[in-house]
Every structure is written in structure tokens, then in C-alpha cells.
């Protein structure tokens, strides 16, 4: 499954990453930020993927502006 990481600038494009790559990075970090272009269904699939592998996962939407569409997903994955 491919997901889009959060943009680093407002005009930038989100970087695409494979879910397996995220799993490999869990040794280094446990908090990831995903772009609003990911669907809620994709984010739930991400949570289920890691919960099946005995990780605890917490997700929330982080608003960074006043507009309703200015948000990113913050995901904590803890073993």
C-alpha cells in the first residue's frame, strides 16, 4: 500500500512512501505525518496493518490553518 507523507511546503507535492518502508523506519522514529490527500479509508487500513502486527497506533487530524481543508494526519506507532 502506498501513502502520501505530509508536504514540507504549501506549494510542494506530497512524497509517496510504501507501508513496508514505514515499518522499516520504526526503529528510528514512531511519529509520522501524512498528507490530507490520503483518504480516511487508507488511514484506517494503515492502522489495521500495524495493529495486526501487535503495534499500538494512534491517529489524529492536525489543523494548521483556519480553513477546513488545512489539516494533516498525525500517526503514532508504538510497539
PDB file of N, CA and C in Angstrom:
ATOM      1  N   UNK A   1       0.848  -1.170   0.000  1.00  0.00           N
ATOM      2  CA  UNK A   1       0.000   0.000   0.000  1.00  0.00           C
ATOM      3  C   UNK A   1       0.899   1.240   0.000  1.00  0.00           C
ATOM      4  N   UNK A   2       0.520   2.239  -0.773  1.00  0.00           N
ATOM      5  CA  UNK A   2       1.268   3.489  -0.870  1.00  0.00           C
ATOM      6  C   UNK A   2       0.476   4.604  -0.201  1.00  0.00           C
ATOM      7  N   UNK A   3       1.180   5.436   0.564  1.00  0.00           N
ATOM      8  CA  UNK A   3       0.575   6.576   1.233  1.00  0.00           C
ATOM      9  C   UNK A   3       1.394   7.824   0.922  1.00  0.00           C
ATOM     10  N   UNK A   4       0.783   8.976   1.113  1.00  0.00           N
ATOM     11  CA  UNK A   4       1.468  10.240   0.841  1.00  0.00           C
ATOM     12  C   UNK A   4       1.848  10.897   2.165  1.00  0.00           C
ATOM     13  N   UNK A   5       3.149  11.146   2.328  1.00  0.00           N
ATOM     14  CA  UNK A   5       3.623  11.863   3.502  1.00  0.00           C
ATOM     15  C   UNK A   5       3.247  13.329   3.384  1.00  0.00           C
ATOM     16  N   UNK A   6       3.165  14.006   4.511  1.00  0.00           N
ATOM     17  CA  UNK A   6       2.779  15.418   4.522  1.00  0.00           C
ATOM     18  C   UNK A   6       3.759  16.263   3.721  1.00  0.00           C
ATOM     19  N   UNK A   7       3.241  17.287   3.099  1.00  0.00           N
ATOM     20  CA  UNK A   7       4.061  18.222   2.319  1.00  0.00           C
ATOM     21  C   UNK A   7       4.959  19.011   3.264  1.00  0.00           C
ATOM     22  N   UNK A   8       6.106  19.401   2.766  1.00  0.00           N
ATOM     23  CA  UNK A   8       7.003  20.220   3.568  1.00  0.00           C
ATOM     24  C   UNK A   8       6.809  21.710   3.289  1.00  0.00           C
ATOM     25  N   UNK A   9       6.063  22.036   2.233  1.00  0.00           N
ATOM     26  CA  UNK A   9       5.701  23.420   1.943  1.00  0.00           C
ATOM     27  C   UNK A   9       4.296  23.427   1.332  1.00  0.00           C
ATOM     28  N   UNK A  10       3.634  24.559   1.396  1.00  0.00           N
ATOM     29  CA  UNK A  10       2.252  24.630   0.908  1.00  0.00           C
ATOM     30  C   UNK A  10       2.132  24.362  -0.581  1.00  0.00           C
ATOM     31  N   UNK A  11       3.133  24.746  -1.343  1.00  0.00           N
ATOM     32  CA  UNK A  11       3.080  24.541  -2.794  1.00  0.00           C
ATOM     33  C   UNK A  11       3.757  23.248  -3.231  1.00  0.00           C
ATOM     34  N   UNK A  12       4.398  22.552  -2.307  1.00  0.00           N
ATOM     35  CA  UNK A  12       5.092  21.317  -2.635  1.00  0.00           C
ATOM     36  C   UNK A  12       4.122  20.171  -2.860  1.00  0.00           C
ATOM     37  N   UNK A  13       4.655  19.096  -3.375  1.00  0.00           N
ATOM     38  CA  UNK A  13       3.848  17.898  -3.587  1.00  0.00           C
ATOM     39  C   UNK A  13       4.190  16.879  -2.507  1.00  0.00           C
ATOM     40  N   UNK A  14       3.210  16.079  -2.081  1.00  0.00           N
ATOM     41  CA  UNK A  14       3.493  15.076  -1.067  1.00  0.00           C
ATOM     42  C   UNK A  14       4.368  13.941  -1.618  1.00  0.00           C
ATOM     43  N   UNK A  15       5.240  13.427  -0.781  1.00  0.00           N
ATOM     44  CA  UNK A  15       6.112  12.311  -1.165  1.00  0.00           C
ATOM     45  C   UNK A  15       5.373  10.997  -0.908  1.00  0.00           C
ATOM     46  N   UNK A  16       5.459  10.075  -1.846  1.00  0.00           N
ATOM     47  CA  UNK A  16       4.790   8.782  -1.729  1.00  0.00           C
ATOM     48  C   UNK A  16       5.740   7.776  -1.078  1.00  0.00           C
ATOM     49  N   UNK A  17       5.197   6.989  -0.142  1.00  0.00           N
ATOM     50  CA  UNK A  17       6.000   6.007   0.572  1.00  0.00           C
ATOM     51  C   UNK A  17       5.214   4.705   0.693  1.00  0.00           C
ATOM     52  N   UNK A  18       5.944   3.594   0.616  1.00  0.00           N
ATOM     53  CA  UNK A  18       5.332   2.268   0.800  1.00  0.00           C
ATOM     54  C   UNK A  18       5.182   1.984   2.290  1.00  0.00           C
ATOM     55  N   UNK A  19       4.164   1.252   2.651  1.00  0.00           N
ATOM     56  CA  UNK A  19       3.922   0.932   4.058  1.00  0.00           C
ATOM     57  C   UNK A  19       5.056   0.078   4.642  1.00  0.00           C
ATOM     58  N   UNK A  20       5.667  -0.743   3.826  1.00  0.00           N
ATOM     59  CA  UNK A  20       6.808  -1.563   4.284  1.00  0.00           C
ATOM     60  C   UNK A  20       7.988  -0.671   4.683  1.00  0.00           C
ATOM     61  N   UNK A  21       8.181   0.418   3.961  1.00  0.00           N
ATOM     62  CA  UNK A  21       9.262   1.353   4.271  1.00  0.00           C
ATOM     63  C   UNK A  21       9.022   2.009   5.634  1.00  0.00           C
ATOM     64  N   UNK A  22       7.767   2.328   5.924  1.00  0.00           N
ATOM     65  CA  UNK A  22       7.432   2.887   7.230  1.00  0.00           C
ATOM     66  C   UNK A  22       7.765   1.905   8.342  1.00  0.00           C
ATOM     67  N   UNK A  23       7.458   0.652   8.096  1.00  0.00           N
ATOM     68  CA  UNK A  23       7.729  -0.391   9.093  1.00  0.00           C
ATOM     69  C   UNK A  23       9.232  -0.500   9.362  1.00  0.00           C
ATOM     70  N   UNK A  24      10.039  -0.348   8.329  1.00  0.00           N
ATOM     71  CA  UNK A  24      11.493  -0.398   8.488  1.00  0.00           C
ATOM     72  C   UNK A  24      12.010   0.799   9.293  1.00  0.00           C
ATOM     73  N   UNK A  25      11.342   1.935   9.189  1.00  0.00           N
ATOM     74  CA  UNK A  25      11.774   3.155   9.876  1.00  0.00           C
ATOM     75  C   UNK A  25      11.342   3.214  11.336  1.00  0.00           C
ATOM     76  N   UNK A  26      10.554   2.255  11.796  1.00  0.00           N
ATOM     77  CA  UNK A  26      10.042   2.299  13.162  1.00  0.00           C
ATOM     78  C   UNK A  26      11.146   2.232  14.214  1.00  0.00           C
ATOM     79  N   UNK A  27      12.306   1.713  13.865  1.00  0.00           N
ATOM     80  CA  UNK A  27      13.423   1.696  14.807  1.00  0.00           C
ATOM     81  C   UNK A  27      13.934   3.115  15.069  1.00  0.00           C
ATOM     82  N   UNK A  28      13.804   3.994  14.090  1.00  0.00           N
ATOM     83  CA  UNK A  28      14.337   5.353  14.179  1.00  0.00           C
ATOM     84  C   UNK A  28      13.321   6.356  14.715  1.00  0.00           C
ATOM     85  N   UNK A  29      12.062   6.212  14.299  1.00  0.00           N
ATOM     86  CA  UNK A  29      11.025   7.151  14.753  1.00  0.00           C
ATOM     87  C   UNK A  29       9.671   6.457  14.799  1.00  0.00           C
ATOM     88  N   UNK A  30       8.762   7.036  15.581  1.00  0.00           N
ATOM     89  CA  UNK A  30       7.454   6.414  15.732  1.00  0.00           C
ATOM     90  C   UNK A  30       6.303   7.364  15.395  1.00  0.00           C
ATOM     91  N   UNK A  31       6.609   8.597  15.026  1.00  0.00           N
ATOM     92  CA  UNK A  31       5.570   9.565  14.656  1.00  0.00           C
ATOM     93  C   UNK A  31       5.731   9.914  13.182  1.00  0.00           C
ATOM     94  N   UNK A  32       4.632   9.797  12.446  1.00  0.00           N
ATOM     95  CA  UNK A  32       4.631  10.086  11.013  1.00  0.00           C
ATOM     96  C   UNK A  32       3.502  11.065  10.703  1.00  0.00           C
ATOM     97  N   UNK A  33       3.733  11.913   9.702  1.00  0.00           N
ATOM     98  CA  UNK A  33       2.725  12.881   9.274  1.00  0.00           C
ATOM     99  C   UNK A  33       2.353  12.589   7.827  1.00  0.00           C
ATOM    100  N   UNK A  34       1.047  12.468   7.582  1.00  0.00           N
ATOM    101  CA  UNK A  34       0.546  12.113   6.261  1.00  0.00           C
ATOM    102  C   UNK A  34      -0.298  13.248   5.694  1.00  0.00           C
ATOM    103  N   UNK A  35      -0.289  13.364   4.383  1.00  0.00           N
ATOM    104  CA  UNK A  35      -0.983  14.428   3.683  1.00  0.00           C
ATOM    105  C   UNK A  35      -2.492  14.229   3.702  1.00  0.00           C
ATOM    106  N   UNK A  36      -3.206  15.336   3.546  1.00  0.00           N
ATOM    107  CA  UNK A  36      -4.675  15.290   3.512  1.00  0.00           C
ATOM    108  C   UNK A  36      -5.206  14.600   2.262  1.00  0.00           C
ATOM    109  N   UNK A  37      -4.349  14.377   1.253  1.00  0.00           N
ATOM    110  CA  UNK A  37      -4.787  13.683   0.034  1.00  0.00           C
ATOM    111  C   UNK A  37      -5.040  12.195   0.281  1.00  0.00           C
ATOM    112  N   UNK A  38      -4.536  11.651   1.381  1.00  0.00           N
ATOM    113  CA  UNK A  38      -4.851  10.274   1.741  1.00  0.00           C
ATOM    114  C   UNK A  38      -6.306  10.230   2.202  1.00  0.00           C
ATOM    115  N   UNK A  39      -7.005   9.199   1.802  1.00  0.00           N
ATOM    116  CA  UNK A  39      -8.394   9.075   2.238  1.00  0.00           C
ATOM    117  C   UNK A  39      -8.439   8.534   3.658  1.00  0.00           C
ATOM    118  N   UNK A  40      -9.557   8.788   4.317  1.00  0.00           N
ATOM    119  CA  UNK A  40      -9.727   8.266   5.680  1.00  0.00           C
ATOM    120  C   UNK A  40      -9.676   6.733   5.653  1.00  0.00           C
ATOM    121  N   UNK A  41     -10.189   6.155   4.608  1.00  0.00           N
ATOM    122  CA  UNK A  41     -10.181   4.694   4.447  1.00  0.00           C
ATOM    123  C   UNK A  41      -8.744   4.165   4.376  1.00  0.00           C
ATOM    124  N   UNK A  42      -7.864   4.868   3.668  1.00  0.00           N
ATOM    125  CA  UNK A  42      -6.456   4.469   3.594  1.00  0.00           C
ATOM    126  C   UNK A  42      -5.781   4.577   4.956  1.00  0.00           C
ATOM    127  N   UNK A  43      -6.136   5.594   5.708  1.00  0.00           N
ATOM    128  CA  UNK A  43      -5.543   5.770   7.034  1.00  0.00           C
ATOM    129  C   UNK A  43      -6.009   4.670   7.988  1.00  0.00           C
ATOM    130  N   UNK A  44      -7.254   4.277   7.883  1.00  0.00           N
ATOM    131  CA  UNK A  44      -7.765   3.170   8.705  1.00  0.00           C
ATOM    132  C   UNK A  44      -7.058   1.876   8.314  1.00  0.00           C
ATOM    133  N   UNK A  45      -6.807   1.669   7.034  1.00  0.00           N
ATOM    134  CA  UNK A  45      -6.076   0.477   6.576  1.00  0.00           C
ATOM    135  C   UNK A  45      -4.660   0.476   7.131  1.00  0.00           C
ATOM    136  N   UNK A  46      -4.024   1.636   7.224  1.00  0.00           N
ATOM    137  CA  UNK A  46      -2.698   1.753   7.822  1.00  0.00           C
ATOM    138  C   UNK A  46      -2.739   1.334   9.289  1.00  0.00           C
ATOM    139  N   UNK A  47      -3.725   1.829  10.015  1.00  0.00           N
ATOM    140  CA  UNK A  47      -3.873   1.471  11.431  1.00  0.00           C
ATOM    141  C   UNK A  47      -4.067  -0.025  11.588  1.00  0.00           C
ATOM    142  N   UNK A  48      -4.942  -0.605  10.797  1.00  0.00           N
ATOM    143  CA  UNK A  48      -5.207  -2.043  10.875  1.00  0.00           C
ATOM    144  C   UNK A  48      -3.965  -2.862  10.538  1.00  0.00           C
ATOM    145  N   UNK A  49      -3.195  -2.406   9.555  1.00  0.00           N
ATOM    146  CA  UNK A  49      -1.963  -3.096   9.155  1.00  0.00           C
ATOM    147  C   UNK A  49      -1.017  -3.233  10.347  1.00  0.00           C
ATOM    148  N   UNK A  50      -0.791  -2.128  11.053  1.00  0.00           N
ATOM    149  CA  UNK A  50       0.141  -2.165  12.177  1.00  0.00           C
ATOM    150  C   UNK A  50      -0.451  -2.836  13.418  1.00  0.00           C
ATOM    151  N   UNK A  51      -1.752  -2.712  13.630  1.00  0.00           N
ATOM    152  CA  UNK A  51      -2.375  -3.385  14.774  1.00  0.00           C
ATOM    153  C   UNK A  51      -2.335  -4.906  14.609  1.00  0.00           C
ATOM    154  N   UNK A  52      -2.422  -5.389  13.378  1.00  0.00           N
ATOM    155  CA  UNK A  52      -2.303  -6.833  13.125  1.00  0.00           C
ATOM    156  C   UNK A  52      -0.908  -7.344  13.464  1.00  0.00           C
ATOM    157  N   UNK A  53       0.064  -6.447  13.463  1.00  0.00           N
ATOM    158  CA  UNK A  53       1.455  -6.800  13.788  1.00  0.00           C
ATOM    159  C   UNK A  53       1.801  -6.427  15.227  1.00  0.00           C
ATOM    160  N   UNK A  54       0.785  -6.292  16.072  1.00  0.00           N
ATOM    161  CA  UNK A  54       0.908  -6.032  17.518  1.00  0.00           C
ATOM    162  C   UNK A  54       1.540  -4.687  17.863  1.00  0.00           C
ATOM    163  N   UNK A  55       1.290  -3.667  17.058  1.00  0.00           N
ATOM    164  CA  UNK A  55       1.688  -2.302  17.386  1.00  0.00           C
ATOM    165  C   UNK A  55       0.465  -1.567  17.917  1.00  0.00           C
ATOM    166  N   UNK A  56       0.691  -0.597  18.770  1.00  0.00           N
ATOM    167  CA  UNK A  56      -0.370   0.315  19.194  1.00  0.00           C
ATOM    168  C   UNK A  56      -0.296   1.532  18.286  1.00  0.00           C
ATOM    169  N   UNK A  57      -1.438   1.935  17.749  1.00  0.00           N
ATOM    170  CA  UNK A  57      -1.464   3.029  16.783  1.00  0.00           C
ATOM    171  C   UNK A  57      -2.489   4.067  17.221  1.00  0.00           C
ATOM    172  N   UNK A  58      -2.080   5.330  17.170  1.00  0.00           N
ATOM    173  CA  UNK A  58      -2.948   6.451  17.493  1.00  0.00           C
ATOM    174  C   UNK A  58      -2.890   7.442  16.332  1.00  0.00           C
ATOM    175  N   UNK A  59      -4.056   7.857  15.832  1.00  0.00           N
ATOM    176  CA  UNK A  59      -4.116   8.794  14.713  1.00  0.00           C
ATOM    177  C   UNK A  59      -5.019   9.963  15.079  1.00  0.00           C
ATOM    178  N   UNK A  60      -4.628  11.153  14.622  1.00  0.00           N
ATOM    179  CA  UNK A  60      -5.483  12.326  14.785  1.00  0.00           C
ATOM    180  C   UNK A  60      -5.246  13.284  13.630  1.00  0.00           C
ATOM    181  N   UNK A  61      -6.215  14.157  13.406  1.00  0.00           N
ATOM    182  CA  UNK A  61      -6.084  15.198  12.393  1.00  0.00           C
ATOM    183  C   UNK A  61      -5.527  16.443  13.067  1.00  0.00           C
ATOM    184  N   UNK A  62      -4.508  17.024  12.472  1.00  0.00           N
ATOM    185  CA  UNK A  62      -3.887  18.239  12.997  1.00  0.00           C
ATOM    186  C   UNK A  62      -4.218  19.391  12.067  1.00  0.00           C
ATOM    187  N   UNK A  63      -4.917  20.387  12.579  1.00  0.00           N
ATOM    188  CA  UNK A  63      -5.259  21.583  11.781  1.00  0.00           C
ATOM    189  C   UNK A  63      -4.085  22.551  11.851  1.00  0.00           C
ATOM    190  N   UNK A  64      -3.687  23.105  10.695  1.00  0.00           N
ATOM    191  CA  UNK A  64      -2.594  24.064  10.678  1.00  0.00           C
ATOM    192  C   UNK A  64      -3.029  25.423  10.132  1.00  0.00           C
ATOM    193  N   UNK A  65      -4.310  25.601   9.950  1.00  0.00           N
ATOM    194  CA  UNK A  65      -4.842  26.867   9.448  1.00  0.00           C
ATOM    195  C   UNK A  65      -6.313  26.994   9.805  1.00  0.00           C
ATOM    196  N   UNK A  66      -6.916  28.091   9.395  1.00  0.00           N
ATOM    197  CA  UNK A  66      -8.319  28.325   9.708  1.00  0.00           C
ATOM    198  C   UNK A  66      -9.271  27.647   8.730  1.00  0.00           C
ATOM    199  N   UNK A  67      -8.788  27.352   7.536  1.00  0.00           N
ATOM    200  CA  UNK A  67      -9.622  26.707   6.522  1.00  0.00           C
ATOM    201  C   UNK A  67      -9.891  25.255   6.925  1.00  0.00           C
ATOM    202  N   UNK A  68     -11.071  24.791   6.600  1.00  0.00           N
ATOM    203  CA  UNK A  68     -11.471  23.420   6.927  1.00  0.00           C
ATOM    204  C   UNK A  68     -10.570  22.374   6.272  1.00  0.00           C
ATOM    205  N   UNK A  69      -9.997  22.693   5.121  1.00  0.00           N
ATOM    206  CA  UNK A  69      -9.166  21.750   4.372  1.00  0.00           C
ATOM    207  C   UNK A  69      -7.681  21.847   4.709  1.00  0.00           C
ATOM    208  N   UNK A  70      -7.320  22.590   5.725  1.00  0.00           N
ATOM    209  CA  UNK A  70      -5.922  22.733   6.107  1.00  0.00           C
ATOM    210  C   UNK A  70      -5.625  21.824   7.297  1.00  0.00           C
ATOM    211  N   UNK A  71      -5.335  20.579   6.996  1.00  0.00           N
ATOM    212  CA  UNK A  71      -5.023  19.610   8.037  1.00  0.00           C
ATOM    213  C   UNK A  71      -4.087  18.543   7.484  1.00  0.00           C
ATOM    214  N   UNK A  72      -3.450  17.834   8.396  1.00  0.00           N
ATOM    215  CA  UNK A  72      -2.647  16.650   8.070  1.00  0.00           C
ATOM    216  C   UNK A  72      -3.003  15.584   9.097  1.00  0.00           C
ATOM    217  N   UNK A  73      -2.631  14.354   8.798  1.00  0.00           N
ATOM    218  CA  UNK A  73      -2.837  13.256   9.737  1.00  0.00           C
ATOM    219  C   UNK A  73      -1.536  13.014  10.509  1.00  0.00           C
ATOM    220  N   UNK A  74      -1.662  12.916  11.824  1.00  0.00           N
ATOM    221  CA  UNK A  74      -0.520  12.581  12.672  1.00  0.00           C
ATOM    222  C   UNK A  74      -0.743  11.159  13.181  1.00  0.00           C
ATOM    223  N   UNK A  75       0.229  10.297  12.967  1.00  0.00           N
ATOM    224  CA  UNK A  75       0.092   8.888  13.359  1.00  0.00           C
ATOM    225  C   UNK A  75       1.260   8.492  14.253  1.00  0.00           C
ATOM    226  N   UNK A  76       0.924   7.963  15.445  1.00  0.00           N
ATOM    227  CA  UNK A  76       1.921   7.451  16.384  1.00  0.00           C
ATOM    228  C   UNK A  76       1.850   5.926  16.322  1.00  0.00           C
ATOM    229  N   UNK A  77       2.986   5.284  16.101  1.00  0.00           N
ATOM    230  CA  UNK A  77       3.039   3.820  16.045  1.00  0.00           C
ATOM    231  C   UNK A  77       4.042   3.356  17.098  1.00  0.00           C
ATOM    232  N   UNK A  78       3.552   2.630  18.091  1.00  0.00           N
ATOM    233  CA  UNK A  78       4.386   2.214  19.221  1.00  0.00           C
ATOM    234  C   UNK A  78       4.310   0.694  19.372  1.00  0.00           C
ATOM    235  N   UNK A  79       5.473   0.090  19.617  1.00  0.00           N
ATOM    236  CA  UNK A  79       5.469  -1.371  19.783  1.00  0.00           C
ATOM    237  C   UNK A  79       5.214  -1.762  21.217  1.00  0.00           C
TER     238      UNK A  79
END
